[in-house]
Amino acid sequence: MIYVTHDQVEATTMGDRIAILNRGELEQVGSPEEVYSQPATPFIAQFIGSPEINMLDSKKVAALGLSSNQQHALRPEHIHIASGGEYRGTAVLSENLGSQ
């Protein structure tokens, strides 16, 4: 059965496989877990998930010692503050999602 929706939660909870279109072009097909954890393109990385994924610019990537020849992104749930040491940063967005 093919079911068309713009609701991500609906698509990822009801579908065994989902297909994501961008301006009429097929970007990726896979299980909801595959599409979320292994997005094929930056569009999909930013499209799937709430809150949105954090895309790192080249200066931030270089400061972390990562290759600046690739795009890097972090999902909010993968960011943890370690104990000890001093960390500085600026939160630019905080979303109240009820229990989260």
N, C-alpha and C. Protein backbone atom coordinates (compact mmCIF):
# COMPACT_ATOMS: atom_id res chain seq x y z
N MET A 1 0.84 -1.17 0.00
CA MET A 1 0.00 0.00 0.00
C MET A 1 0.89 1.24 0.00
N ILE A 2 0.52 2.23 -0.73
CA ILE A 2 1.22 3.52 -0.74
C ILE A 2 0.34 4.53 -0.01
N TYR A 3 0.95 5.21 0.94
CA TYR A 3 0.24 6.22 1.73
C TYR A 3 1.06 7.50 1.64
N VAL A 4 0.46 8.58 1.23
CA VAL A 4 1.16 9.85 1.08
C VAL A 4 0.79 10.77 2.23
N THR A 5 1.83 11.33 2.87
CA THR A 5 1.60 12.26 3.97
C THR A 5 2.78 13.23 4.07
N HIS A 6 2.51 14.38 4.64
CA HIS A 6 3.58 15.34 4.95
C HIS A 6 3.92 15.29 6.43
N ASP A 7 3.24 14.45 7.18
CA ASP A 7 3.45 14.32 8.63
C ASP A 7 4.54 13.29 8.90
N GLN A 8 5.70 13.76 9.37
CA GLN A 8 6.82 12.87 9.63
C GLN A 8 6.50 11.78 10.65
N VAL A 9 5.83 12.15 11.71
CA VAL A 9 5.50 11.17 12.75
C VAL A 9 4.61 10.08 12.17
N GLU A 10 3.63 10.49 11.41
CA GLU A 10 2.74 9.54 10.77
C GLU A 10 3.52 8.61 9.84
N ALA A 11 4.37 9.17 9.02
CA ALA A 11 5.14 8.37 8.06
C ALA A 11 6.07 7.39 8.76
N THR A 12 6.78 7.86 9.78
CA THR A 12 7.77 6.99 10.43
C THR A 12 7.15 5.96 11.36
N THR A 13 5.96 6.21 11.85
CA THR A 13 5.33 5.21 12.73
C THR A 13 4.49 4.21 11.95
N MET A 14 3.95 4.61 10.81
CA MET A 14 3.09 3.71 10.05
C MET A 14 3.84 2.93 8.97
N GLY A 15 4.94 3.47 8.48
CA GLY A 15 5.61 2.87 7.33
C GLY A 15 6.72 1.91 7.69
N ASP A 16 6.81 0.81 6.94
CA ASP A 16 7.97 -0.09 7.04
C ASP A 16 9.12 0.50 6.24
N ARG A 17 8.79 1.16 5.14
CA ARG A 17 9.76 1.85 4.30
C ARG A 17 9.14 3.20 3.94
N ILE A 18 9.98 4.21 3.92
CA ILE A 18 9.48 5.52 3.53
C ILE A 18 10.34 6.05 2.38
N ALA A 19 9.71 6.85 1.54
CA ALA A 19 10.39 7.50 0.43
C ALA A 19 10.25 9.00 0.63
N ILE A 20 11.35 9.71 0.47
CA ILE A 20 11.32 11.16 0.66
C ILE A 20 11.61 11.83 -0.67
N LEU A 21 10.69 12.72 -1.04
CA LEU A 21 10.82 13.48 -2.28
C LEU A 21 11.22 14.91 -1.94
N ASN A 22 12.03 15.50 -2.79
CA ASN A 22 12.41 16.90 -2.66
C ASN A 22 12.23 17.55 -4.01
N ARG A 23 11.24 18.44 -4.12
CA ARG A 23 10.93 19.12 -5.38
C ARG A 23 10.69 18.13 -6.51
N GLY A 24 9.99 17.04 -6.19
CA GLY A 24 9.64 16.05 -7.19
C GLY A 24 10.71 15.01 -7.47
N GLU A 25 11.87 15.12 -6.84
CA GLU A 25 12.97 14.17 -7.03
C GLU A 25 13.06 13.24 -5.82
N LEU A 26 13.24 11.96 -6.08
CA LEU A 26 13.38 10.98 -5.01
C LEU A 26 14.75 11.13 -4.37
N GLU A 27 14.78 11.43 -3.07
CA GLU A 27 16.04 11.64 -2.36
C GLU A 27 16.53 10.36 -1.68
N GLN A 28 15.60 9.61 -1.04
CA GLN A 28 16.01 8.40 -0.31
C GLN A 28 14.80 7.52 -0.06
N VAL A 29 15.05 6.21 -0.07
CA VAL A 29 14.05 5.21 0.29
C VAL A 29 14.71 4.30 1.31
N GLY A 30 14.01 4.00 2.38
CA GLY A 30 14.55 3.08 3.38
C GLY A 30 13.61 2.96 4.55
N SER A 31 14.01 2.19 5.53
CA SER A 31 13.22 2.09 6.75
C SER A 31 13.31 3.43 7.48
N PRO A 32 12.34 3.72 8.34
CA PRO A 32 12.42 4.97 9.09
C PRO A 32 13.73 5.10 9.86
N GLU A 33 14.22 4.00 10.43
CA GLU A 33 15.48 4.02 11.18
C GLU A 33 16.66 4.37 10.28
N GLU A 34 16.69 3.76 9.08
CA GLU A 34 17.78 4.04 8.12
C GLU A 34 17.78 5.50 7.69
N VAL A 35 16.62 6.00 7.35
CA VAL A 35 16.52 7.38 6.86
C VAL A 35 16.92 8.37 7.96
N TYR A 36 16.55 8.07 9.20
CA TYR A 36 16.88 8.97 10.31
C TYR A 36 18.36 8.91 10.67
N SER A 37 18.90 7.70 10.77
CA SER A 37 20.29 7.55 11.25
C SER A 37 21.33 7.62 10.14
N GLN A 38 20.93 7.39 8.89
CA GLN A 38 21.87 7.44 7.77
C GLN A 38 21.28 8.23 6.61
N PRO A 39 21.03 9.51 6.82
CA PRO A 39 20.44 10.31 5.74
C PRO A 39 21.37 10.38 4.54
N ALA A 40 20.80 10.24 3.35
CA ALA A 40 21.59 10.21 2.12
C ALA A 40 22.06 11.60 1.68
N THR A 41 21.34 12.63 2.09
CA THR A 41 21.67 13.99 1.65
C THR A 41 21.49 14.96 2.81
N PRO A 42 22.11 16.14 2.72
CA PRO A 42 21.88 17.16 3.75
C PRO A 42 20.40 17.54 3.88
N PHE A 43 19.67 17.54 2.76
CA PHE A 43 18.24 17.85 2.81
C PHE A 43 17.51 16.89 3.74
N ILE A 44 17.78 15.59 3.60
CA ILE A 44 17.10 14.60 4.42
C ILE A 44 17.52 14.74 5.88
N ALA A 45 18.80 14.97 6.13
CA ALA A 45 19.28 15.16 7.50
C ALA A 45 18.53 16.28 8.19
N GLN A 46 18.28 17.37 7.46
CA GLN A 46 17.57 18.51 8.04
C GLN A 46 16.06 18.33 8.05
N PHE A 47 15.54 17.53 7.15
CA PHE A 47 14.09 17.35 7.03
C PHE A 47 13.54 16.41 8.09
N ILE A 48 14.25 15.31 8.36
CA ILE A 48 13.76 14.29 9.29
C ILE A 48 14.23 14.61 10.70
N GLY A 49 13.31 14.56 11.62
CA GLY A 49 13.65 14.75 13.03
C GLY A 49 13.17 16.07 13.58
N SER A 50 12.82 16.03 14.85
CA SER A 50 12.40 17.23 15.55
C SER A 50 12.85 17.11 17.00
N PRO A 51 13.65 18.04 17.47
CA PRO A 51 14.10 19.24 16.80
C PRO A 51 15.08 18.92 15.67
N GLU A 52 15.28 19.92 14.82
CA GLU A 52 16.09 19.77 13.62
C GLU A 52 17.55 19.47 13.97
N ILE A 53 18.22 18.77 13.06
CA ILE A 53 19.64 18.44 13.21
C ILE A 53 20.47 19.73 13.18
N ASN A 54 21.62 19.70 13.83
CA ASN A 54 22.54 20.83 13.84
C ASN A 54 23.59 20.61 12.78
N MET A 55 23.64 21.48 11.77
CA MET A 55 24.66 21.41 10.73
C MET A 55 25.84 22.27 11.19
N LEU A 56 27.05 21.73 11.08
CA LEU A 56 28.23 22.46 11.53
C LEU A 56 28.90 23.15 10.35
N ASP A 57 29.24 24.43 10.52
CA ASP A 57 29.95 25.13 9.46
C ASP A 57 31.43 24.77 9.51
N SER A 58 32.18 25.16 8.48
CA SER A 58 33.58 24.72 8.34
C SER A 58 34.46 25.19 9.49
N LYS A 59 34.20 26.37 10.08
CA LYS A 59 35.02 26.85 11.20
C LYS A 59 34.83 25.96 12.43
N LYS A 60 33.59 25.58 12.70
CA LYS A 60 33.32 24.70 13.85
C LYS A 60 33.91 23.32 13.63
N VAL A 61 33.84 22.83 12.41
CA VAL A 61 34.39 21.52 12.07
C VAL A 61 35.90 21.52 12.27
N ALA A 62 36.57 22.57 11.80
CA ALA A 62 38.03 22.67 11.95
C ALA A 62 38.42 22.76 13.42
N ALA A 63 37.64 23.48 14.22
CA ALA A 63 37.93 23.61 15.65
C ALA A 63 37.81 22.27 16.37
N LEU A 64 36.97 21.38 15.85
CA LEU A 64 36.81 20.05 16.45
C LEU A 64 37.85 19.07 15.92
N GLY A 65 38.65 19.50 14.96
CA GLY A 65 39.67 18.62 14.39
C GLY A 65 39.13 17.63 13.37
N LEU A 66 37.95 17.91 12.81
CA LEU A 66 37.35 17.03 11.81
C LEU A 66 37.68 17.53 10.41
N SER A 67 37.54 16.67 9.43
CA SER A 67 37.79 17.04 8.05
C SER A 67 36.78 18.08 7.60
N SER A 68 37.29 19.19 7.08
CA SER A 68 36.37 20.24 6.60
C SER A 68 35.96 20.00 5.15
N ASN A 69 36.42 18.87 4.56
CA ASN A 69 36.02 18.52 3.19
C ASN A 69 34.67 17.82 3.16
N GLN A 70 34.13 17.50 4.32
CA GLN A 70 32.84 16.82 4.41
C GLN A 70 31.89 17.67 5.23
N GLN A 71 30.58 17.44 5.03
CA GLN A 71 29.60 18.11 5.88
C GLN A 71 29.43 17.28 7.14
N HIS A 72 29.28 17.95 8.26
CA HIS A 72 29.09 17.27 9.53
C HIS A 72 27.82 17.81 10.20
N ALA A 73 27.15 16.93 10.90
CA ALA A 73 25.92 17.33 11.58
C ALA A 73 25.78 16.53 12.88
N LEU A 74 25.07 17.10 13.83
CA LEU A 74 24.81 16.44 15.11
C LEU A 74 23.33 16.50 15.41
N ARG A 75 22.76 15.37 15.78
CA ARG A 75 21.37 15.37 16.25
C ARG A 75 21.39 15.84 17.70
N PRO A 76 20.41 16.63 18.11
CA PRO A 76 20.38 17.16 19.47
C PRO A 76 20.48 16.07 20.55
N GLU A 77 19.90 14.91 20.31
CA GLU A 77 19.92 13.87 21.34
C GLU A 77 21.29 13.22 21.50
N HIS A 78 22.22 13.53 20.59
CA HIS A 78 23.57 12.98 20.68
C HIS A 78 24.54 13.92 21.38
N ILE A 79 24.09 15.08 21.78
CA ILE A 79 24.94 16.05 22.45
C ILE A 79 24.78 15.86 23.96
N HIS A 80 25.90 15.62 24.62
CA HIS A 80 25.90 15.44 26.07
C HIS A 80 27.00 16.31 26.67
N ILE A 81 26.74 16.82 27.84
CA ILE A 81 27.74 17.63 28.53
C ILE A 81 28.47 16.71 29.51
N ALA A 82 29.79 16.62 29.32
CA ALA A 82 30.61 15.76 30.17
C ALA A 82 30.89 16.46 31.49
N SER A 83 31.11 15.68 32.52
CA SER A 83 31.45 16.28 33.81
C SER A 83 32.93 16.64 33.82
N GLY A 84 33.27 17.66 34.57
CA GLY A 84 34.65 18.10 34.66
C GLY A 84 35.02 19.00 33.50
N GLY A 85 36.02 19.82 33.71
CA GLY A 85 36.47 20.71 32.65
C GLY A 85 35.55 21.90 32.47
N GLU A 86 35.90 22.75 31.57
CA GLU A 86 35.11 23.94 31.30
C GLU A 86 34.71 23.95 29.83
N TYR A 87 33.45 24.20 29.57
CA TYR A 87 32.93 24.23 28.22
C TYR A 87 32.19 25.54 28.02
N ARG A 88 32.45 26.17 26.91
CA ARG A 88 31.78 27.44 26.61
C ARG A 88 31.03 27.30 25.29
N GLY A 89 29.88 27.90 25.25
CA GLY A 89 29.10 27.86 24.03
C GLY A 89 27.89 28.76 24.17
N THR A 90 27.16 28.88 23.11
CA THR A 90 25.96 29.70 23.11
C THR A 90 24.81 28.87 22.58
N ALA A 91 23.75 28.76 23.38
CA ALA A 91 22.54 28.10 22.92
C ALA A 91 21.77 29.12 22.10
N VAL A 92 21.47 28.78 20.85
CA VAL A 92 20.75 29.71 19.99
C VAL A 92 19.27 29.37 19.88
N LEU A 93 18.89 28.17 20.33
CA LEU A 93 17.48 27.79 20.28
C LEU A 93 17.21 26.72 21.33
N SER A 94 16.17 26.89 22.07
CA SER A 94 15.73 25.88 23.03
C SER A 94 14.23 25.70 22.82
N GLU A 95 13.82 24.46 22.55
CA GLU A 95 12.41 24.19 22.29
C GLU A 95 11.82 23.37 23.41
N ASN A 96 10.69 23.80 23.95
CA ASN A 96 9.96 23.05 24.96
C ASN A 96 9.04 22.06 24.25
N LEU A 97 9.34 20.77 24.40
CA LEU A 97 8.55 19.74 23.74
C LEU A 97 7.75 18.94 24.75
N GLY A 98 7.34 19.58 25.83
CA GLY A 98 6.58 18.87 26.85
C GLY A 98 7.52 18.09 27.74
N SER A 99 7.58 16.77 27.54
CA SER A 99 8.40 15.93 28.41
C SER A 99 9.89 16.02 28.08
N GLN A 100 10.22 16.67 27.00
CA GLN A 100 11.64 16.77 26.59
C GLN A 100 12.10 18.20 26.65
